[in-house]
PDB file of N, CA and C in Angstrom:
ATOM      1  N   UNK A   1       0.874  -1.047  -0.515  1.00  0.00           N
ATOM      2  CA  UNK A   1      -0.019   0.164   0.069  1.00  0.00           C
ATOM      3  C   UNK A   1       0.595   1.129   0.365  1.00  0.00           C
ATOM      4  N   UNK A   2       1.977   1.079   0.136  1.00  0.00           N
ATOM      5  CA  UNK A   2       3.071   2.543   0.490  1.00  0.00           C
ATOM      6  C   UNK A   2       3.627   2.420  -0.756  1.00  0.00           C
ATOM      7  N   UNK A   3       3.562   1.794  -0.968  1.00  0.00           N
ATOM      8  CA  UNK A   3       4.381   1.605  -2.309  1.00  0.00           C
ATOM      9  C   UNK A   3       3.475   2.201  -3.081  1.00  0.00           C
ATOM     10  N   UNK A   4       2.427   2.301  -3.423  1.00  0.00           N
ATOM     11  CA  UNK A   4       1.048   2.696  -4.446  1.00  0.00           C
ATOM     12  C   UNK A   4       0.873   3.736  -3.786  1.00  0.00           C
ATOM     13  N   UNK A   5       1.085   4.649  -2.642  1.00  0.00           N
ATOM     14  CA  UNK A   5       1.255   6.256  -2.373  1.00  0.00           C
ATOM     15  C   UNK A   5       2.554   7.075  -2.858  1.00  0.00           C
ATOM     16  N   UNK A   6       3.503   6.223  -2.733  1.00  0.00           N
ATOM     17  CA  UNK A   6       5.013   6.807  -3.680  1.00  0.00           C
ATOM     18  C   UNK A   6       4.976   6.984  -4.281  1.00  0.00           C
ATOM     19  N   UNK A   7       4.304   5.848  -5.875  1.00  0.00           N
ATOM     20  CA  UNK A   7       4.272   5.954  -7.378  1.00  0.00           C
ATOM     21  C   UNK A   7       3.574   7.140  -7.298  1.00  0.00           C
ATOM     22  N   UNK A   8       1.838   7.604  -6.957  1.00  0.00           N
ATOM     23  CA  UNK A   8       1.091   8.231  -6.768  1.00  0.00           C
ATOM     24  C   UNK A   8       1.622   9.488  -6.307  1.00  0.00           C
ATOM     25  N   UNK A   9       2.863   9.896  -5.721  1.00  0.00           N
ATOM     26  CA  UNK A   9       3.030  11.196  -5.240  1.00  0.00           C
ATOM     27  C   UNK A   9       4.448  11.710  -5.890  1.00  0.00           C
ATOM     28  N   UNK A  10       4.695  10.443  -6.498  1.00  0.00           N
ATOM     29  CA  UNK A  10       5.488  10.983  -7.608  1.00  0.00           C
ATOM     30  C   UNK A  10       5.659  11.021  -9.162  1.00  0.00           C
ATOM     31  N   UNK A  11       4.276  10.690  -9.386  1.00  0.00           N
ATOM     32  CA  UNK A  11       3.479  11.023 -10.452  1.00  0.00           C
ATOM     33  C   UNK A  11       2.922  12.759  -9.344  1.00  0.00           C
ATOM     34  N   UNK A  12       2.175  12.445  -9.142  1.00  0.00           N
ATOM     35  CA  UNK A  12       1.631  13.699  -8.611  1.00  0.00           C
ATOM     36  C   UNK A  12       3.021  15.045  -8.742  1.00  0.00           C
ATOM     37  N   UNK A  13       3.609  14.881  -8.028  1.00  0.00           N
ATOM     38  CA  UNK A  13       5.173  15.491  -8.452  1.00  0.00           C
ATOM     39  C   UNK A  13       5.143  15.928  -9.422  1.00  0.00           C
ATOM     40  N   UNK A  14       5.586  14.976 -10.807  1.00  0.00           N
ATOM     41  CA  UNK A  14       6.199  14.933 -12.000  1.00  0.00           C
ATOM     42  C   UNK A  14       4.993  15.752 -12.408  1.00  0.00           C
ATOM     43  N   UNK A  15       3.701  15.759 -12.368  1.00  0.00           N
ATOM     44  CA  UNK A  15       2.715  16.637 -12.989  1.00  0.00           C
ATOM     45  C   UNK A  15       2.749  17.819 -12.574  1.00  0.00           C
ATOM     46  N   UNK A  16       2.954  18.000 -11.462  1.00  0.00           N
ATOM     47  CA  UNK A  16       3.439  19.627 -10.695  1.00  0.00           C
ATOM     48  C   UNK A  16       4.056  20.958 -11.734  1.00  0.00           C
ATOM     49  N   UNK A  17       5.423  19.242 -11.423  1.00  0.00           N
ATOM     50  CA  UNK A  17       6.501  20.221 -12.378  1.00  0.00           C
ATOM     51  C   UNK A  17       6.298  20.638 -13.654  1.00  0.00           C
ATOM     52  N   UNK A  18       5.953  19.961 -14.153  1.00  0.00           N
ATOM     53  CA  UNK A  18       5.662  20.537 -15.846  1.00  0.00           C
ATOM     54  C   UNK A  18       4.818  21.436 -16.694  1.00  0.00           C
ATOM     55  N   UNK A  19       5.607  21.923 -17.193  1.00  0.00           N
ATOM     56  CA  UNK A  19       5.197  23.410 -17.830  1.00  0.00           C
ATOM     57  C   UNK A  19       4.646  23.358 -19.155  1.00  0.00           C
ATOM     58  N   UNK A  20       4.805  21.911 -19.278  1.00  0.00           N
ATOM     59  CA  UNK A  20       4.957  22.403 -21.282  1.00  0.00           C
ATOM     60  C   UNK A  20       3.406  22.556 -21.830  1.00  0.00           C
ATOM     61  N   UNK A  21       2.020  21.993 -21.304  1.00  0.00           N
ATOM     62  CA  UNK A  21       1.079  22.555 -21.474  1.00  0.00           C
ATOM     63  C   UNK A  21       1.223  24.303 -21.150  1.00  0.00           C
ATOM     64  N   UNK A  22       1.528  24.804 -20.219  1.00  0.00           N
ATOM     65  CA  UNK A  22       1.542  25.870 -19.884  1.00  0.00           C
ATOM     66  C   UNK A  22       2.119  27.194 -21.407  1.00  0.00           C
ATOM     67  N   UNK A  23       3.097  26.404 -21.602  1.00  0.00           N
ATOM     68  CA  UNK A  23       3.588  27.238 -22.746  1.00  0.00           C
ATOM     69  C   UNK A  23       2.955  27.907 -23.831  1.00  0.00           C
ATOM     70  N   UNK A  24       1.749  26.632 -24.326  1.00  0.00           N
ATOM     71  CA  UNK A  24       0.966  26.039 -25.090  1.00  0.00           C
ATOM     72  C   UNK A  24       0.241  26.751 -25.006  1.00  0.00           C
ATOM     73  N   UNK A  25      -0.562  26.907 -23.796  1.00  0.00           N
ATOM     74  CA  UNK A  25      -2.140  28.039 -23.450  1.00  0.00           C
ATOM     75  C   UNK A  25      -1.206  29.442 -23.424  1.00  0.00           C
ATOM     76  N   UNK A  26      -0.112  29.294 -23.246  1.00  0.00           N
ATOM     77  CA  UNK A  26       0.108  31.267 -23.423  1.00  0.00           C
ATOM     78  C   UNK A  26       0.686  31.254 -24.710  1.00  0.00           C
ATOM     79  N   UNK A  27       1.032  30.573 -25.296  1.00  0.00           N
ATOM     80  CA  UNK A  27       1.295  30.959 -27.068  1.00  0.00           C
ATOM     81  C   UNK A  27      -0.379  30.490 -27.132  1.00  0.00           C
ATOM     82  N   UNK A  28      -1.012  30.428 -27.506  1.00  0.00           N
ATOM     83  CA  UNK A  28      -2.487  30.364 -27.511  1.00  0.00           C
ATOM     84  C   UNK A  28      -3.115  31.742 -27.148  1.00  0.00           C
ATOM     85  N   UNK A  29      -3.113  31.968 -26.127  1.00  0.00           N
ATOM     86  CA  UNK A  29      -4.157  33.190 -25.526  1.00  0.00           C
ATOM     87  C   UNK A  29      -3.302  34.790 -26.834  1.00  0.00           C
ATOM     88  N   UNK A  30      -1.893  34.130 -26.671  1.00  0.00           N
ATOM     89  CA  UNK A  30      -1.084  35.510 -27.564  1.00  0.00           C
ATOM     90  C   UNK A  30      -1.389  35.838 -28.681  1.00  0.00           C
ATOM     91  N   UNK A  31      -1.775  34.246 -29.448  1.00  0.00           N
ATOM     92  CA  UNK A  31      -2.085  34.597 -30.304  1.00  0.00           C
ATOM     93  C   UNK A  31      -3.599  35.223 -30.835  1.00  0.00           C
ATOM     94  N   UNK A  32      -4.083  35.023 -30.108  1.00  0.00           N
ATOM     95  CA  UNK A  32      -5.347  35.239 -30.543  1.00  0.00           C
ATOM     96  C   UNK A  32      -5.363  36.858 -29.658  1.00  0.00           C
ATOM     97  N   UNK A  33      -4.342  36.888 -29.010  1.00  0.00           N
ATOM     98  CA  UNK A  33      -5.250  38.931 -28.534  1.00  0.00           C
ATOM     99  C   UNK A  33      -4.173  39.419 -29.743  1.00  0.00           C
ATOM    100  N   UNK A  34      -3.175  38.779 -30.581  1.00  0.00           N
ATOM    101  CA  UNK A  34      -2.710  39.624 -32.396  1.00  0.00           C
ATOM    102  C   UNK A  34      -4.026  39.163 -33.160  1.00  0.00           C
ATOM    103  N   UNK A  35      -4.232  38.318 -33.138  1.00  0.00           N
ATOM    104  CA  UNK A  35      -5.796  37.904 -34.120  1.00  0.00           C
ATOM    105  C   UNK A  35      -6.617  39.058 -33.931  1.00  0.00           C
ATOM    106  N   UNK A  36      -7.089  39.401 -32.566  1.00  0.00           N
ATOM    107  CA  UNK A  36      -7.220  40.821 -32.807  1.00  0.00           C
ATOM    108  C   UNK A  36      -7.419  41.995 -32.763  1.00  0.00           C
ATOM    109  N   UNK A  37      -6.431  42.252 -32.083  1.00  0.00           N
ATOM    110  CA  UNK A  37      -6.192  43.750 -32.337  1.00  0.00           C
ATOM    111  C   UNK A  37      -5.434  43.603 -34.160  1.00  0.00           C
ATOM    112  N   UNK A  38      -5.035  42.684 -35.214  1.00  0.00           N
ATOM    113  CA  UNK A  38      -5.210  42.693 -36.244  1.00  0.00           C
ATOM    114  C   UNK A  38      -6.497  43.162 -36.643  1.00  0.00           C
ATOM    115  N   UNK A  39      -7.758  42.550 -36.307  1.00  0.00           N
ATOM    116  CA  UNK A  39      -8.833  43.139 -36.949  1.00  0.00           C
ATOM    117  C   UNK A  39      -9.209  43.797 -36.613  1.00  0.00           C
ATOM    118  N   UNK A  40      -9.049  44.297 -35.765  1.00  0.00           N
ATOM    119  CA  UNK A  40      -9.375  45.761 -35.233  1.00  0.00           C
ATOM    120  C   UNK A  40      -9.383  47.040 -35.929  1.00  0.00           C
ATOM    121  N   UNK A  41      -7.913  47.092 -35.602  1.00  0.00           N
ATOM    122  CA  UNK A  41      -7.121  47.585 -36.200  1.00  0.00           C
ATOM    123  C   UNK A  41      -7.467  47.776 -38.293  1.00  0.00           C
ATOM    124  N   UNK A  42      -7.677  46.544 -38.902  1.00  0.00           N
ATOM    125  CA  UNK A  42      -7.970  46.739 -40.649  1.00  0.00           C
ATOM    126  C   UNK A  42      -9.429  47.336 -39.994  1.00  0.00           C
ATOM    127  N   UNK A  43     -10.675  46.846 -38.852  1.00  0.00           N
ATOM    128  CA  UNK A  43     -12.043  47.462 -39.133  1.00  0.00           C
ATOM    129  C   UNK A  43     -11.795  49.242 -39.556  1.00  0.00           C
ATOM    130  N   UNK A  44     -11.647  49.177 -37.926  1.00  0.00           N
ATOM    131  CA  UNK A  44     -10.610  51.229 -38.117  1.00  0.00           C
ATOM    132  C   UNK A  44     -10.004  51.593 -39.370  1.00  0.00           C
ATOM    133  N   UNK A  45      -9.162  51.001 -39.711  1.00  0.00           N
ATOM    134  CA  UNK A  45      -8.447  51.404 -40.673  1.00  0.00           C
ATOM    135  C   UNK A  45      -9.207  51.349 -42.284  1.00  0.00           C
ATOM    136  N   UNK A  46     -10.679  50.242 -42.481  1.00  0.00           N
ATOM    137  CA  UNK A  46     -11.194  50.554 -43.545  1.00  0.00           C
ATOM    138  C   UNK A  46     -11.882  52.066 -43.998  1.00  0.00           C
ATOM    139  N   UNK A  47     -12.299  53.072 -42.933  1.00  0.00           N
ATOM    140  CA  UNK A  47     -12.624  54.441 -43.277  1.00  0.00           C
ATOM    141  C   UNK A  47     -12.307  55.226 -43.708  1.00  0.00           C
ATOM    142  N   UNK A  48     -10.968  54.983 -43.671  1.00  0.00           N
ATOM    143  CA  UNK A  48      -9.304  56.292 -43.987  1.00  0.00           C
ATOM    144  C   UNK A  48      -9.196  55.636 -45.490  1.00  0.00           C
ATOM    145  N   UNK A  49      -9.098  54.352 -45.498  1.00  0.00           N
ATOM    146  CA  UNK A  49      -8.431  53.369 -46.531  1.00  0.00           C
ATOM    147  C   UNK A  49      -9.838  54.335 -47.846  1.00  0.00           C
ATOM    148  N   UNK A  50     -11.158  53.489 -46.996  1.00  0.00           N
ATOM    149  CA  UNK A  50     -12.348  54.250 -48.328  1.00  0.00           C
ATOM    150  C   UNK A  50     -12.110  56.474 -48.880  1.00  0.00           C
ATOM    151  N   UNK A  51     -11.697  56.684 -47.674  1.00  0.00           N
ATOM    152  CA  UNK A  51     -11.737  57.909 -47.454  1.00  0.00           C
ATOM    153  C   UNK A  51     -10.929  58.452 -48.824  1.00  0.00           C
ATOM    154  N   UNK A  52      -9.264  57.687 -48.754  1.00  0.00           N
ATOM    155  CA  UNK A  52      -7.765  57.563 -49.838  1.00  0.00           C
ATOM    156  C   UNK A  52      -8.285  57.439 -50.638  1.00  0.00           C
ATOM    157  N   UNK A  53      -9.359  56.359 -50.928  1.00  0.00           N
ATOM    158  CA  UNK A  53      -9.389  56.188 -52.727  1.00  0.00           C
ATOM    159  C   UNK A  53     -10.280  56.422 -53.230  1.00  0.00           C
ATOM    160  N   UNK A  54     -12.136  56.792 -52.157  1.00  0.00           N
ATOM    161  CA  UNK A  54     -12.837  58.356 -52.931  1.00  0.00           C
ATOM    162  C   UNK A  54     -11.381  59.565 -53.533  1.00  0.00           C
ATOM    163  N   UNK A  55     -11.037  60.108 -52.863  1.00  0.00           N
ATOM    164  CA  UNK A  55     -10.945  61.184 -52.112  1.00  0.00           C
ATOM    165  C   UNK A  55      -9.111  60.659 -54.018  1.00  0.00           C
ATOM    166  N   UNK A  56      -8.941  60.144 -54.185  1.00  0.00           N
ATOM    167  CA  UNK A  56      -8.195  59.884 -55.257  1.00  0.00           C
ATOM    168  C   UNK A  56      -8.892  59.345 -56.414  1.00  0.00           C
ATOM    169  N   UNK A  57      -9.628  59.225 -56.634  1.00  0.00           N
ATOM    170  CA  UNK A  57     -10.743  58.099 -57.779  1.00  0.00           C
ATOM    171  C   UNK A  57     -11.463  59.572 -58.556  1.00  0.00           C
ATOM    172  N   UNK A  58     -11.591  60.482 -57.341  1.00  0.00           N
ATOM    173  CA  UNK A  58     -12.193  62.285 -57.659  1.00  0.00           C
ATOM    174  C   UNK A  58     -11.549  63.009 -58.167  1.00  0.00           C
ATOM    175  N   UNK A  59     -10.436  63.151 -58.171  1.00  0.00           N
ATOM    176  CA  UNK A  59      -9.153  63.459 -58.511  1.00  0.00           C
ATOM    177  C   UNK A  59      -8.469  63.235 -59.853  1.00  0.00           C
ATOM    178  N   UNK A  60      -8.680  61.864 -60.107  1.00  0.00           N
ATOM    179  CA  UNK A  60      -8.410  61.115 -61.159  1.00  0.00           C
ATOM    180  C   UNK A  60      -9.456  61.033 -62.235  1.00  0.00           C
ATOM    181  N   UNK A  61     -10.195  61.384 -62.032  1.00  0.00           N
ATOM    182  CA  UNK A  61     -11.539  61.687 -62.904  1.00  0.00           C
ATOM    183  C   UNK A  61     -12.201  63.141 -63.320  1.00  0.00           C
ATOM    184  N   UNK A  62     -11.195  64.042 -62.603  1.00  0.00           N
ATOM    185  CA  UNK A  62     -11.135  65.389 -62.801  1.00  0.00           C
ATOM    186  C   UNK A  62      -9.319  66.007 -63.938  1.00  0.00           C
ATOM    187  N   UNK A  63      -8.775  65.513 -63.529  1.00  0.00           N
ATOM    188  CA  UNK A  63      -7.619  65.301 -64.700  1.00  0.00           C
ATOM    189  C   UNK A  63      -8.118  64.635 -65.879  1.00  0.00           C
ATOM    190  N   UNK A  64      -8.286  63.890 -65.442  1.00  0.00           N
ATOM    191  CA  UNK A  64      -8.884  63.004 -66.936  1.00  0.00           C
ATOM    192  C   UNK A  64      -9.870  63.407 -67.655  1.00  0.00           C
ATOM    193  N   UNK A  65     -10.674  64.178 -67.263  1.00  0.00           N
ATOM    194  CA  UNK A  65     -12.368  65.315 -68.001  1.00  0.00           C
ATOM    195  C   UNK A  65     -11.484  66.980 -68.014  1.00  0.00           C
ATOM    196  N   UNK A  66      -9.858  66.745 -67.394  1.00  0.00           N
ATOM    197  CA  UNK A  66      -9.685  68.760 -68.096  1.00  0.00           C
ATOM    198  C   UNK A  66      -8.715  68.064 -69.332  1.00  0.00           C
ATOM    199  N   UNK A  67      -8.549  66.890 -69.090  1.00  0.00           N
ATOM    200  CA  UNK A  67      -7.342  66.585 -70.455  1.00  0.00           C
ATOM    201  C   UNK A  67      -7.929  66.231 -71.535  1.00  0.00           C
ATOM    202  N   UNK A  68      -9.192  65.702 -71.279  1.00  0.00           N
ATOM    203  CA  UNK A  68     -10.150  65.160 -72.715  1.00  0.00           C
ATOM    204  C   UNK A  68     -10.324  67.027 -73.444  1.00  0.00           C
ATOM    205  N   UNK A  69     -10.528  67.623 -72.671  1.00  0.00           N
ATOM    206  CA  UNK A  69     -11.193  69.032 -72.885  1.00  0.00           C
ATOM    207  C   UNK A  69     -10.458  69.721 -74.263  1.00  0.00           C
TER     208      UNK A  69
END
């Protein structure tokens, strides 16, 4: 019986010292944070990009109209 508890204690202490799973969870959480931050950045930048594209398009249309007249 004492041998069984000794083996269980060794397994329990080895389990508590093992930290590979913790590293995996930390990297997964970091990756999720980077993905959410990137998505937020792209969503917020969408309005600015649309504004720049609209301004450029209207200036090109005006330049094309003045070049043909």
